[in-house]
Amino acid sequence: MHKFTPFDAADYLDDDETIAAYLNAALEENDPDAFLCALKTIARARGMTQLAKDTGLGRESLYKALAPGAKPRYDTLLKVVRALGISLHARAQTH
């Protein structure tokens, strides 16, 4: 019998380019839960405890804010994104 370990994307988010591509893919889904899930996965890859320190938020608060269906405040998302070293940019859509 074969034993398989569960897939965890956080195990593969080990450089800035991969993280950016992962987050961009989530943003293309146009689904807030996909975005929150991607941020949570990136946060786990970088270390949730360190992120809590860097943002000034508790670990439990971070898990709640990044859970599917959550409605985190804009300032909370900015703190998380900045603490993760991510920058978000707008660009015009092409038709």
C-alpha atoms as a PDB file:
ATOM      1  CA  MET A   1       0.000   0.000   0.000  1.00  0.00           C
ATOM      2  CA  HIS A   2       1.302   3.451  -0.952  1.00  0.00           C
ATOM      3  CA  LYS A   3       1.372   6.301   1.496  1.00  0.00           C
ATOM      4  CA  PHE A   4       0.879   9.760   0.087  1.00  0.00           C
ATOM      5  CA  THR A   5       1.532  12.959   1.931  1.00  0.00           C
ATOM      6  CA  PRO A   6      -1.055  15.695   1.456  1.00  0.00           C
ATOM      7  CA  PHE A   7      -0.119  18.397  -1.035  1.00  0.00           C
ATOM      8  CA  ASP A   8       0.630  21.753   0.571  1.00  0.00           C
ATOM      9  CA  ALA A   9       1.393  24.658  -1.768  1.00  0.00           C
ATOM     10  CA  ALA A  10       3.225  26.399   1.100  1.00  0.00           C
ATOM     11  CA  ASP A  11       6.018  23.826   0.707  1.00  0.00           C
ATOM     12  CA  TYR A  12       6.768  25.212  -2.774  1.00  0.00           C
ATOM     13  CA  LEU A  13       6.534  28.948  -2.086  1.00  0.00           C
ATOM     14  CA  ASP A  14      10.230  29.381  -1.434  1.00  0.00           C
ATOM     15  CA  ASP A  15      11.135  32.446  -3.501  1.00  0.00           C
ATOM     16  CA  ASP A  16       9.640  35.830  -4.330  1.00  0.00           C
ATOM     17  CA  GLU A  17       8.939  35.030  -7.986  1.00  0.00           C
ATOM     18  CA  THR A  18       6.994  31.869  -7.147  1.00  0.00           C
ATOM     19  CA  ILE A  19       5.034  33.712  -4.480  1.00  0.00           C
ATOM     20  CA  ALA A  20       4.169  36.513  -6.902  1.00  0.00           C
ATOM     21  CA  ALA A  21       3.031  34.032  -9.569  1.00  0.00           C
ATOM     22  CA  TYR A  22       0.926  32.151  -7.013  1.00  0.00           C
ATOM     23  CA  LEU A  23      -0.773  35.320  -5.790  1.00  0.00           C
ATOM     24  CA  ASN A  24      -1.346  36.576  -9.342  1.00  0.00           C
ATOM     25  CA  ALA A  25      -3.021  33.280 -10.236  1.00  0.00           C
ATOM     26  CA  ALA A  26      -5.309  33.665  -7.223  1.00  0.00           C
ATOM     27  CA  LEU A  27      -6.164  37.239  -8.195  1.00  0.00           C
ATOM     28  CA  GLU A  28      -7.120  36.095 -11.698  1.00  0.00           C
ATOM     29  CA  GLU A  29      -9.822  33.892 -10.176  1.00  0.00           C
ATOM     30  CA  ASN A  30     -11.885  36.976  -9.243  1.00  0.00           C
ATOM     31  CA  ASP A  31     -12.803  35.151  -6.041  1.00  0.00           C
ATOM     32  CA  PRO A  32     -12.138  36.842  -2.690  1.00  0.00           C
ATOM     33  CA  ASP A  33     -11.797  33.464  -0.983  1.00  0.00           C
ATOM     34  CA  ALA A  34      -9.109  32.386  -3.469  1.00  0.00           C
ATOM     35  CA  PHE A  35      -7.184  35.584  -2.690  1.00  0.00           C
ATOM     36  CA  LEU A  36      -7.498  35.069   1.073  1.00  0.00           C
ATOM     37  CA  CYS A  37      -6.513  31.413   0.755  1.00  0.00           C
ATOM     38  CA  ALA A  38      -3.447  32.364  -1.283  1.00  0.00           C
ATOM     39  CA  LEU A  39      -2.414  35.005   1.271  1.00  0.00           C
ATOM     40  CA  LYS A  40      -2.862  32.476   4.085  1.00  0.00           C
ATOM     41  CA  THR A  41      -0.753  29.903   2.224  1.00  0.00           C
ATOM     42  CA  ILE A  42       1.977  32.479   1.604  1.00  0.00           C
ATOM     43  CA  ALA A  43       1.802  33.490   5.269  1.00  0.00           C
ATOM     44  CA  ARG A  44       2.244  29.867   6.347  1.00  0.00           C
ATOM     45  CA  ALA A  45       5.193  29.499   3.957  1.00  0.00           C
ATOM     46  CA  ARG A  46       6.874  32.572   5.428  1.00  0.00           C
ATOM     47  CA  GLY A  47       5.901  31.770   9.030  1.00  0.00           C
ATOM     48  CA  MET A  48       2.666  32.789  10.689  1.00  0.00           C
ATOM     49  CA  THR A  49       4.356  33.616  14.000  1.00  0.00           C
ATOM     50  CA  GLN A  50       6.778  36.031  12.344  1.00  0.00           C
ATOM     51  CA  LEU A  51       3.934  37.556  10.326  1.00  0.00           C
ATOM     52  CA  ALA A  52       1.986  38.138  13.527  1.00  0.00           C
ATOM     53  CA  LYS A  53       4.970  39.983  14.989  1.00  0.00           C
ATOM     54  CA  ASP A  54       5.544  41.997  11.817  1.00  0.00           C
ATOM     55  CA  THR A  55       1.896  43.077  11.538  1.00  0.00           C
ATOM     56  CA  GLY A  56       1.198  43.563  15.232  1.00  0.00           C
ATOM     57  CA  LEU A  57      -1.751  41.187  14.935  1.00  0.00           C
ATOM     58  CA  GLY A  58      -2.299  37.980  16.875  1.00  0.00           C
ATOM     59  CA  ARG A  59      -1.882  34.635  15.121  1.00  0.00           C
ATOM     60  CA  GLU A  60      -5.517  33.780  15.786  1.00  0.00           C
ATOM     61  CA  SER A  61      -6.604  37.103  14.297  1.00  0.00           C
ATOM     62  CA  LEU A  62      -4.536  36.396  11.196  1.00  0.00           C
ATOM     63  CA  TYR A  63      -6.056  32.946  10.745  1.00  0.00           C
ATOM     64  CA  LYS A  64      -9.548  34.431  11.100  1.00  0.00           C
ATOM     65  CA  ALA A  65      -8.831  37.329   8.729  1.00  0.00           C
ATOM     66  CA  LEU A  66      -7.455  34.994   6.059  1.00  0.00           C
ATOM     67  CA  ALA A  67     -10.163  32.327   6.331  1.00  0.00           C
ATOM     68  CA  PRO A  68     -12.571  31.701   3.453  1.00  0.00           C
ATOM     69  CA  GLY A  69     -15.632  33.893   3.821  1.00  0.00           C
ATOM     70  CA  ALA A  70     -13.831  36.385   6.048  1.00  0.00           C
ATOM     71  CA  LYS A  71     -14.279  40.070   5.423  1.00  0.00           C
ATOM     72  CA  PRO A  72     -10.951  41.484   6.641  1.00  0.00           C
ATOM     73  CA  ARG A  73     -10.504  45.211   6.917  1.00  0.00           C
ATOM     74  CA  TYR A  74      -8.531  46.936   4.195  1.00  0.00           C
ATOM     75  CA  ASP A  75      -5.859  48.051   6.674  1.00  0.00           C
ATOM     76  CA  THR A  76      -5.454  44.452   7.879  1.00  0.00           C
ATOM     77  CA  LEU A  77      -4.878  43.247   4.321  1.00  0.00           C
ATOM     78  CA  LEU A  78      -2.354  46.031   3.722  1.00  0.00           C
ATOM     79  CA  LYS A  79      -0.459  45.100   6.878  1.00  0.00           C
ATOM     80  CA  VAL A  80      -0.332  41.454   5.818  1.00  0.00           C
ATOM     81  CA  VAL A  81       0.681  42.189   2.229  1.00  0.00           C
ATOM     82  CA  ARG A  82       3.399  44.629   3.270  1.00  0.00           C
ATOM     83  CA  ALA A  83       4.729  42.349   6.011  1.00  0.00           C
ATOM     84  CA  LEU A  84       4.988  39.544   3.454  1.00  0.00           C
ATOM     85  CA  GLY A  85       7.042  41.801   1.196  1.00  0.00           C
ATOM     86  CA  ILE A  86       4.412  41.811  -1.525  1.00  0.00           C
ATOM     87  CA  SER A  87       3.333  44.812  -3.529  1.00  0.00           C
ATOM     88  CA  LEU A  88       0.081  44.938  -5.455  1.00  0.00           C
ATOM     89  CA  HIS A  89      -0.232  46.995  -8.624  1.00  0.00           C
ATOM     90  CA  ALA A  90      -3.143  47.964 -10.826  1.00  0.00           C
ATOM     91  CA  ARG A  91      -2.988  47.772 -14.598  1.00  0.00           C
ATOM     92  CA  ALA A  92      -5.497  48.479 -17.313  1.00  0.00           C
ATOM     93  CA  GLN A  93      -7.419  45.508 -18.629  1.00  0.00           C
ATOM     94  CA  THR A  94      -6.897  44.607 -22.246  1.00  0.00           C
ATOM     95  CA  HIS A  95      -9.973  43.655 -24.200  1.00  0.00           C
END
